[in-house]
Amino acid sequence: MKIIILLFIFSLMLIEVRSKNGYPIDHTGCKIWCVFNHYCSRFCSNYKGSGYCYLLHCWCDNIQDWVPTWKKETNKC
């Protein structure tokens, strides 16, 4: 019984929540522009994450994997 409990605890530690961080992009492929943190916080919470304004663009933490984010290689702006 102790082994089962230990295996259960270790399996919980190994489970990784899949999420990503980055600059979300709009339909044109450009970063979301911002000045104040509260706008980004509300924007990122729509994607089940949190965020803030960083270098005049929204940065989101722990957003869902399907949310498109800006990449230097595919920069369109």
PDB file of N, CA and C in Angstrom:
ATOM      1  N   MET A   1       0.824  -1.189   0.000  1.00  0.00           N
ATOM      2  CA  MET A   1       0.000   0.000   0.000  1.00  0.00           C
ATOM      3  C   MET A   1       0.872   1.259   0.000  1.00  0.00           C
ATOM      4  N   LYS A   2       1.965   1.224   0.750  1.00  0.00           N
ATOM      5  CA  LYS A   2       2.858   2.382   0.787  1.00  0.00           C
ATOM      6  C   LYS A   2       3.485   2.635  -0.580  1.00  0.00           C
ATOM      7  N   ILE A   3       3.796   1.569  -1.283  1.00  0.00           N
ATOM      8  CA  ILE A   3       4.401   1.719  -2.610  1.00  0.00           C
ATOM      9  C   ILE A   3       3.415   2.374  -3.567  1.00  0.00           C
ATOM     10  N   ILE A   4       2.170   2.010  -3.486  1.00  0.00           N
ATOM     11  CA  ILE A   4       1.153   2.611  -4.356  1.00  0.00           C
ATOM     12  C   ILE A   4       1.025   4.104  -4.070  1.00  0.00           C
ATOM     13  N   ILE A   5       1.033   4.456  -2.809  1.00  0.00           N
ATOM     14  CA  ILE A   5       0.938   5.871  -2.441  1.00  0.00           C
ATOM     15  C   ILE A   5       2.168   6.628  -2.927  1.00  0.00           C
ATOM     16  N   LEU A   6       3.356   6.042  -2.759  1.00  0.00           N
ATOM     17  CA  LEU A   6       4.578   6.689  -3.236  1.00  0.00           C
ATOM     18  C   LEU A   6       4.578   6.842  -4.756  1.00  0.00           C
ATOM     19  N   LEU A   7       4.146   5.821  -5.465  1.00  0.00           N
ATOM     20  CA  LEU A   7       4.070   5.912  -6.919  1.00  0.00           C
ATOM     21  C   LEU A   7       3.084   6.993  -7.352  1.00  0.00           C
ATOM     22  N   PHE A   8       1.995   7.095  -6.648  1.00  0.00           N
ATOM     23  CA  PHE A   8       1.007   8.128  -6.956  1.00  0.00           C
ATOM     24  C   PHE A   8       1.591   9.522  -6.749  1.00  0.00           C
ATOM     25  N   ILE A   9       2.295   9.715  -5.658  1.00  0.00           N
ATOM     26  CA  ILE A   9       2.909  11.016  -5.374  1.00  0.00           C
ATOM     27  C   ILE A   9       3.970  11.350  -6.415  1.00  0.00           C
ATOM     28  N   PHE A  10       4.815  10.384  -6.770  1.00  0.00           N
ATOM     29  CA  PHE A  10       5.841  10.628  -7.780  1.00  0.00           C
ATOM     30  C   PHE A  10       5.229  10.907  -9.144  1.00  0.00           C
ATOM     31  N   SER A  11       4.149  10.236  -9.472  1.00  0.00           N
ATOM     32  CA  SER A  11       3.509  10.490 -10.763  1.00  0.00           C
ATOM     33  C   SER A  11       2.916  11.892 -10.810  1.00  0.00           C
ATOM     34  N   LEU A  12       2.412  12.384  -9.690  1.00  0.00           N
ATOM     35  CA  LEU A  12       1.912  13.757  -9.656  1.00  0.00           C
ATOM     36  C   LEU A  12       3.034  14.760  -9.865  1.00  0.00           C
ATOM     37  N   MET A  13       4.217  14.453  -9.366  1.00  0.00           N
ATOM     38  CA  MET A  13       5.355  15.349  -9.541  1.00  0.00           C
ATOM     39  C   MET A  13       5.852  15.350 -10.982  1.00  0.00           C
ATOM     40  N   LEU A  14       5.678  14.251 -11.679  1.00  0.00           N
ATOM     41  CA  LEU A  14       6.162  14.152 -13.048  1.00  0.00           C
ATOM     42  C   LEU A  14       5.197  14.752 -14.062  1.00  0.00           C
ATOM     43  N   ILE A  15       3.943  14.906 -13.679  1.00  0.00           N
ATOM     44  CA  ILE A  15       2.957  15.463 -14.600  1.00  0.00           C
ATOM     45  C   ILE A  15       3.270  16.940 -14.800  1.00  0.00           C
ATOM     46  N   GLU A  16       3.417  17.305 -16.037  1.00  0.00           N
ATOM     47  CA  GLU A  16       3.767  18.682 -16.370  1.00  0.00           C
ATOM     48  C   GLU A  16       2.573  19.350 -17.029  1.00  0.00           C
ATOM     49  N   VAL A  17       2.220  20.520 -16.558  1.00  0.00           N
ATOM     50  CA  VAL A  17       1.133  21.272 -17.165  1.00  0.00           C
ATOM     51  C   VAL A  17       1.683  21.952 -18.408  1.00  0.00           C
ATOM     52  N   ARG A  18       1.066  21.678 -19.535  1.00  0.00           N
ATOM     53  CA  ARG A  18       1.534  22.224 -20.793  1.00  0.00           C
ATOM     54  C   ARG A  18       1.006  23.644 -20.981  1.00  0.00           C
ATOM     55  N   SER A  19       1.895  24.576 -21.048  1.00  0.00           N
ATOM     56  CA  SER A  19       1.537  25.960 -21.313  1.00  0.00           C
ATOM     57  C   SER A  19       2.748  26.639 -21.941  1.00  0.00           C
ATOM     58  N   LYS A  20       2.513  27.818 -22.442  1.00  0.00           N
ATOM     59  CA  LYS A  20       3.640  28.530 -23.046  1.00  0.00           C
ATOM     60  C   LYS A  20       3.585  29.996 -22.670  1.00  0.00           C
ATOM     61  N   ASN A  21       4.666  30.676 -22.939  1.00  0.00           N
ATOM     62  CA  ASN A  21       4.809  32.096 -22.659  1.00  0.00           C
ATOM     63  C   ASN A  21       5.208  32.790 -23.951  1.00  0.00           C
ATOM     64  N   GLY A  22       4.858  34.045 -24.076  1.00  0.00           N
ATOM     65  CA  GLY A  22       5.285  34.789 -25.250  1.00  0.00           C
ATOM     66  C   GLY A  22       4.397  35.970 -25.552  1.00  0.00           C
ATOM     67  N   TYR A  23       4.720  36.628 -26.659  1.00  0.00           N
ATOM     68  CA  TYR A  23       3.923  37.747 -27.136  1.00  0.00           C
ATOM     69  C   TYR A  23       2.801  37.193 -28.012  1.00  0.00           C
ATOM     70  N   PRO A  24       1.545  37.319 -27.614  1.00  0.00           N
ATOM     71  CA  PRO A  24       0.465  36.875 -28.501  1.00  0.00           C
ATOM     72  C   PRO A  24       0.390  37.798 -29.721  1.00  0.00           C
ATOM     73  N   ILE A  25      -0.081  37.267 -30.831  1.00  0.00           N
ATOM     74  CA  ILE A  25      -0.162  38.061 -32.057  1.00  0.00           C
ATOM     75  C   ILE A  25      -1.617  38.210 -32.490  1.00  0.00           C
ATOM     76  N   ASP A  26      -1.862  39.256 -33.278  1.00  0.00           N
ATOM     77  CA  ASP A  26      -3.202  39.474 -33.812  1.00  0.00           C
ATOM     78  C   ASP A  26      -3.345  38.761 -35.155  1.00  0.00           C
ATOM     79  N   HIS A  27      -4.428  39.034 -35.864  1.00  0.00           N
ATOM     80  CA  HIS A  27      -4.701  38.338 -37.123  1.00  0.00           C
ATOM     81  C   HIS A  27      -3.707  38.688 -38.230  1.00  0.00           C
ATOM     82  N   THR A  28      -2.971  39.783 -38.090  1.00  0.00           N
ATOM     83  CA  THR A  28      -1.973  40.155 -39.094  1.00  0.00           C
ATOM     84  C   THR A  28      -0.586  39.592 -38.784  1.00  0.00           C
ATOM     85  N   GLY A  29      -0.426  38.967 -37.624  1.00  0.00           N
ATOM     86  CA  GLY A  29       0.861  38.412 -37.230  1.00  0.00           C
ATOM     87  C   GLY A  29       1.719  39.357 -36.420  1.00  0.00           C
ATOM     88  N   CYS A  30       1.138  40.494 -36.018  1.00  0.00           N
ATOM     89  CA  CYS A  30       1.878  41.487 -35.235  1.00  0.00           C
ATOM     90  C   CYS A  30       1.593  41.322 -33.748  1.00  0.00           C
ATOM     91  N   LYS A  31       2.546  41.752 -32.926  1.00  0.00           N
ATOM     92  CA  LYS A  31       2.360  41.715 -31.475  1.00  0.00           C
ATOM     93  C   LYS A  31       1.223  42.641 -31.066  1.00  0.00           C
ATOM     94  N   ILE A  32       0.598  42.330 -29.925  1.00  0.00           N
ATOM     95  CA  ILE A  32      -0.466  43.164 -29.382  1.00  0.00           C
ATOM     96  C   ILE A  32       0.174  44.366 -28.693  1.00  0.00           C
ATOM     97  N   TRP A  33      -0.192  45.563 -29.120  1.00  0.00           N
ATOM     98  CA  TRP A  33       0.379  46.800 -28.601  1.00  0.00           C
ATOM     99  C   TRP A  33      -0.280  47.182 -27.286  1.00  0.00           C
ATOM    100  N   CYS A  34       0.484  47.757 -26.351  1.00  0.00           N
ATOM    101  CA  CYS A  34      -0.077  48.156 -25.057  1.00  0.00           C
ATOM    102  C   CYS A  34       0.732  49.297 -24.456  1.00  0.00           C
ATOM    103  N   VAL A  35       0.148  49.911 -23.424  1.00  0.00           N
ATOM    104  CA  VAL A  35       0.839  50.905 -22.611  1.00  0.00           C
ATOM    105  C   VAL A  35       0.702  50.546 -21.139  1.00  0.00           C
ATOM    106  N   PHE A  36      -0.467  50.035 -20.757  1.00  0.00           N
ATOM    107  CA  PHE A  36      -0.751  49.735 -19.358  1.00  0.00           C
ATOM    108  C   PHE A  36      -0.902  48.232 -19.128  1.00  0.00           C
ATOM    109  N   ASN A  37      -0.509  47.772 -17.955  1.00  0.00           N
ATOM    110  CA  ASN A  37      -0.563  46.351 -17.612  1.00  0.00           C
ATOM    111  C   ASN A  37      -1.977  45.798 -17.558  1.00  0.00           C
ATOM    112  N   HIS A  38      -2.948  46.596 -17.123  1.00  0.00           N
ATOM    113  CA  HIS A  38      -4.294  46.054 -16.941  1.00  0.00           C
ATOM    114  C   HIS A  38      -4.901  45.574 -18.258  1.00  0.00           C
ATOM    115  N   TYR A  39      -4.552  46.195 -19.379  1.00  0.00           N
ATOM    116  CA  TYR A  39      -5.053  45.729 -20.673  1.00  0.00           C
ATOM    117  C   TYR A  39      -4.514  44.332 -20.979  1.00  0.00           C
ATOM    118  N   CYS A  40      -3.221  44.133 -20.792  1.00  0.00           N
ATOM    119  CA  CYS A  40      -2.610  42.830 -21.074  1.00  0.00           C
ATOM    120  C   CYS A  40      -3.095  41.765 -20.104  1.00  0.00           C
ATOM    121  N   SER A  41      -3.287  42.143 -18.875  1.00  0.00           N
ATOM    122  CA  SER A  41      -3.783  41.192 -17.885  1.00  0.00           C
ATOM    123  C   SER A  41      -5.146  40.657 -18.297  1.00  0.00           C
ATOM    124  N   ARG A  42      -6.041  41.551 -18.726  1.00  0.00           N
ATOM    125  CA  ARG A  42      -7.367  41.115 -19.185  1.00  0.00           C
ATOM    126  C   ARG A  42      -7.265  40.326 -20.479  1.00  0.00           C
ATOM    127  N   PHE A  43      -6.402  40.763 -21.398  1.00  0.00           N
ATOM    128  CA  PHE A  43      -6.240  40.079 -22.676  1.00  0.00           C
ATOM    129  C   PHE A  43      -5.740  38.650 -22.472  1.00  0.00           C
ATOM    130  N   CYS A  44      -4.711  38.483 -21.655  1.00  0.00           N
ATOM    131  CA  CYS A  44      -4.126  37.158 -21.427  1.00  0.00           C
ATOM    132  C   CYS A  44      -5.046  36.256 -20.613  1.00  0.00           C
ATOM    133  N   SER A  45      -5.859  36.829 -19.752  1.00  0.00           N
ATOM    134  CA  SER A  45      -6.781  35.995 -18.971  1.00  0.00           C
ATOM    135  C   SER A  45      -7.827  35.349 -19.866  1.00  0.00           C
ATOM    136  N   ASN A  46      -8.090  35.905 -21.045  1.00  0.00           N
ATOM    137  CA  ASN A  46      -8.988  35.257 -22.008  1.00  0.00           C
ATOM    138  C   ASN A  46      -8.415  33.935 -22.496  1.00  0.00           C
ATOM    139  N   TYR A  47      -7.104  33.787 -22.426  1.00  0.00           N
ATOM    140  CA  TYR A  47      -6.420  32.562 -22.840  1.00  0.00           C
ATOM    141  C   TYR A  47      -5.951  31.747 -21.641  1.00  0.00           C
ATOM    142  N   LYS A  48      -6.581  31.947 -20.497  1.00  0.00           N
ATOM    143  CA  LYS A  48      -6.309  31.200 -19.263  1.00  0.00           C
ATOM    144  C   LYS A  48      -4.900  31.419 -18.741  1.00  0.00           C
ATOM    145  N   GLY A  49      -4.371  32.617 -18.933  1.00  0.00           N
ATOM    146  CA  GLY A  49      -3.039  32.934 -18.447  1.00  0.00           C
ATOM    147  C   GLY A  49      -3.018  34.271 -17.730  1.00  0.00           C
ATOM    148  N   SER A  50      -1.831  34.781 -17.538  1.00  0.00           N
ATOM    149  CA  SER A  50      -1.656  36.099 -16.941  1.00  0.00           C
ATOM    150  C   SER A  50      -0.694  36.875 -17.827  1.00  0.00           C
ATOM    151  N   GLY A  51      -0.693  38.189 -17.685  1.00  0.00           N
ATOM    152  CA  GLY A  51       0.185  38.958 -18.543  1.00  0.00           C
ATOM    153  C   GLY A  51       0.417  40.362 -18.051  1.00  0.00           C
ATOM    154  N   TYR A  52       1.325  41.029 -18.722  1.00  0.00           N
ATOM    155  CA  TYR A  52       1.680  42.404 -18.401  1.00  0.00           C
ATOM    156  C   TYR A  52       2.254  43.065 -19.646  1.00  0.00           C
ATOM    157  N   CYS A  53       2.353  44.381 -19.591  1.00  0.00           N
ATOM    158  CA  CYS A  53       2.900  45.146 -20.706  1.00  0.00           C
ATOM    159  C   CYS A  53       4.426  45.181 -20.567  1.00  0.00           C
ATOM    160  N   TYR A  54       5.129  44.747 -21.619  1.00  0.00           N
ATOM    161  CA  TYR A  54       6.586  44.702 -21.602  1.00  0.00           C
ATOM    162  C   TYR A  54       7.090  45.258 -22.929  1.00  0.00           C
ATOM    163  N   LEU A  55       7.828  46.333 -22.877  1.00  0.00           N
ATOM    164  CA  LEU A  55       8.377  46.990 -24.067  1.00  0.00           C
ATOM    165  C   LEU A  55       7.281  47.348 -25.072  1.00  0.00           C
ATOM    166  N   LEU A  56       6.172  47.888 -24.554  1.00  0.00           N
ATOM    167  CA  LEU A  56       5.019  48.348 -25.332  1.00  0.00           C
ATOM    168  C   LEU A  56       4.268  47.230 -26.057  1.00  0.00           C
ATOM    169  N   HIS A  57       4.466  45.994 -25.645  1.00  0.00           N
ATOM    170  CA  HIS A  57       3.724  44.865 -26.199  1.00  0.00           C
ATOM    171  C   HIS A  57       3.294  43.942 -25.066  1.00  0.00           C
ATOM    172  N   CYS A  58       2.166  43.272 -25.269  1.00  0.00           N
ATOM    173  CA  CYS A  58       1.651  42.359 -24.242  1.00  0.00           C
ATOM    174  C   CYS A  58       2.487  41.086 -24.187  1.00  0.00           C
ATOM    175  N   TRP A  59       2.907  40.723 -23.011  1.00  0.00           N
ATOM    176  CA  TRP A  59       3.602  39.463 -22.750  1.00  0.00           C
ATOM    177  C   TRP A  59       2.677  38.610 -21.900  1.00  0.00           C
ATOM    178  N   CYS A  60       2.423  37.368 -22.338  1.00  0.00           N
ATOM    179  CA  CYS A  60       1.527  36.471 -21.608  1.00  0.00           C
ATOM    180  C   CYS A  60       2.304  35.286 -21.054  1.00  0.00           C
ATOM    181  N   ASP A  61       2.000  34.911 -19.829  1.00  0.00           N
ATOM    182  CA  ASP A  61       2.572  33.735 -19.181  1.00  0.00           C
ATOM    183  C   ASP A  61       1.484  32.684 -19.015  1.00  0.00           C
ATOM    184  N   ASN A  62       1.870  31.433 -19.201  1.00  0.00           N
ATOM    185  CA  ASN A  62       0.989  30.282 -18.966  1.00  0.00           C
ATOM    186  C   ASN A  62      -0.291  30.327 -19.790  1.00  0.00           C
ATOM    187  N   ILE A  63      -0.163  30.689 -21.064  1.00  0.00           N
ATOM    188  CA  ILE A  63      -1.326  30.665 -21.940  1.00  0.00           C
ATOM    189  C   ILE A  63      -1.433  29.298 -22.596  1.00  0.00           C
ATOM    190  N   GLN A  64      -2.582  29.022 -23.169  1.00  0.00           N
ATOM    191  CA  GLN A  64      -2.820  27.722 -23.784  1.00  0.00           C
ATOM    192  C   GLN A  64      -1.923  27.543 -25.002  1.00  0.00           C
ATOM    193  N   ASP A  65      -1.600  26.281 -25.309  1.00  0.00           N
ATOM    194  CA  ASP A  65      -0.659  25.984 -26.388  1.00  0.00           C
ATOM    195  C   ASP A  65      -1.146  26.409 -27.767  1.00  0.00           C
ATOM    196  N   TRP A  66      -2.445  26.445 -27.988  1.00  0.00           N
ATOM    197  CA  TRP A  66      -2.972  26.762 -29.317  1.00  0.00           C
ATOM    198  C   TRP A  66      -2.930  28.253 -29.643  1.00  0.00           C
ATOM    199  N   VAL A  67      -2.637  29.099 -28.665  1.00  0.00           N
ATOM    200  CA  VAL A  67      -2.608  30.549 -28.894  1.00  0.00           C
ATOM    201  C   VAL A  67      -1.365  30.894 -29.718  1.00  0.00           C
ATOM    202  N   PRO A  68      -1.532  31.565 -30.864  1.00  0.00           N
ATOM    203  CA  PRO A  68      -0.355  31.922 -31.665  1.00  0.00           C
ATOM    204  C   PRO A  68       0.471  33.005 -30.976  1.00  0.00           C
ATOM    205  N   THR A  69       1.771  32.798 -30.947  1.00  0.00           N
ATOM    206  CA  THR A  69       2.678  33.773 -30.341  1.00  0.00           C
ATOM    207  C   THR A  69       3.722  34.215 -31.365  1.00  0.00           C
ATOM    208  N   TRP A  70       4.289  35.379 -31.130  1.00  0.00           N
ATOM    209  CA  TRP A  70       5.265  35.967 -32.036  1.00  0.00           C
ATOM    210  C   TRP A  70       6.573  35.192 -31.988  1.00  0.00           C
ATOM    211  N   LYS A  71       7.148  34.980 -33.163  1.00  0.00           N
ATOM    212  CA  LYS A  71       8.464  34.345 -33.276  1.00  0.00           C
ATOM    213  C   LYS A  71       9.322  35.193 -34.218  1.00  0.00           C
ATOM    214  N   LYS A  72      10.569  35.322 -33.886  1.00  0.00           N
ATOM    215  CA  LYS A  72      11.485  36.130 -34.691  1.00  0.00           C
ATOM    216  C   LYS A  72      11.577  35.605 -36.125  1.00  0.00           C
ATOM    217  N   GLU A  73      11.533  34.284 -36.275  1.00  0.00           N
ATOM    218  CA  GLU A  73      11.690  33.670 -37.592  1.00  0.00           C
ATOM    219  C   GLU A  73      10.510  33.962 -38.513  1.00  0.00           C
ATOM    220  N   THR A  74       9.327  34.131 -37.941  1.00  0.00           N
ATOM    221  CA  THR A  74       8.125  34.351 -38.751  1.00  0.00           C
ATOM    222  C   THR A  74       7.591  35.767 -38.593  1.00  0.00           C
ATOM    223  N   ASN A  75       8.450  36.701 -38.276  1.00  0.00           N
ATOM    224  CA  ASN A  75       8.050  38.091 -38.062  1.00  0.00           C
ATOM    225  C   ASN A  75       7.478  38.682 -39.348  1.00  0.00           C
ATOM    226  N   LYS A  76       6.270  39.252 -39.253  1.00  0.00           N
ATOM    227  CA  LYS A  76       5.635  39.887 -40.409  1.00  0.00           C
ATOM    228  C   LYS A  76       5.532  41.397 -40.245  1.00  0.00           C
ATOM    229  N   CYS A  77       5.919  41.919 -39.108  1.00  0.00           N
ATOM    230  CA  CYS A  77       5.767  43.366 -38.854  1.00  0.00           C
ATOM    231  C   CYS A  77       7.116  44.048 -38.765  1.00  0.00           C
TER     232      CYS A  77
END
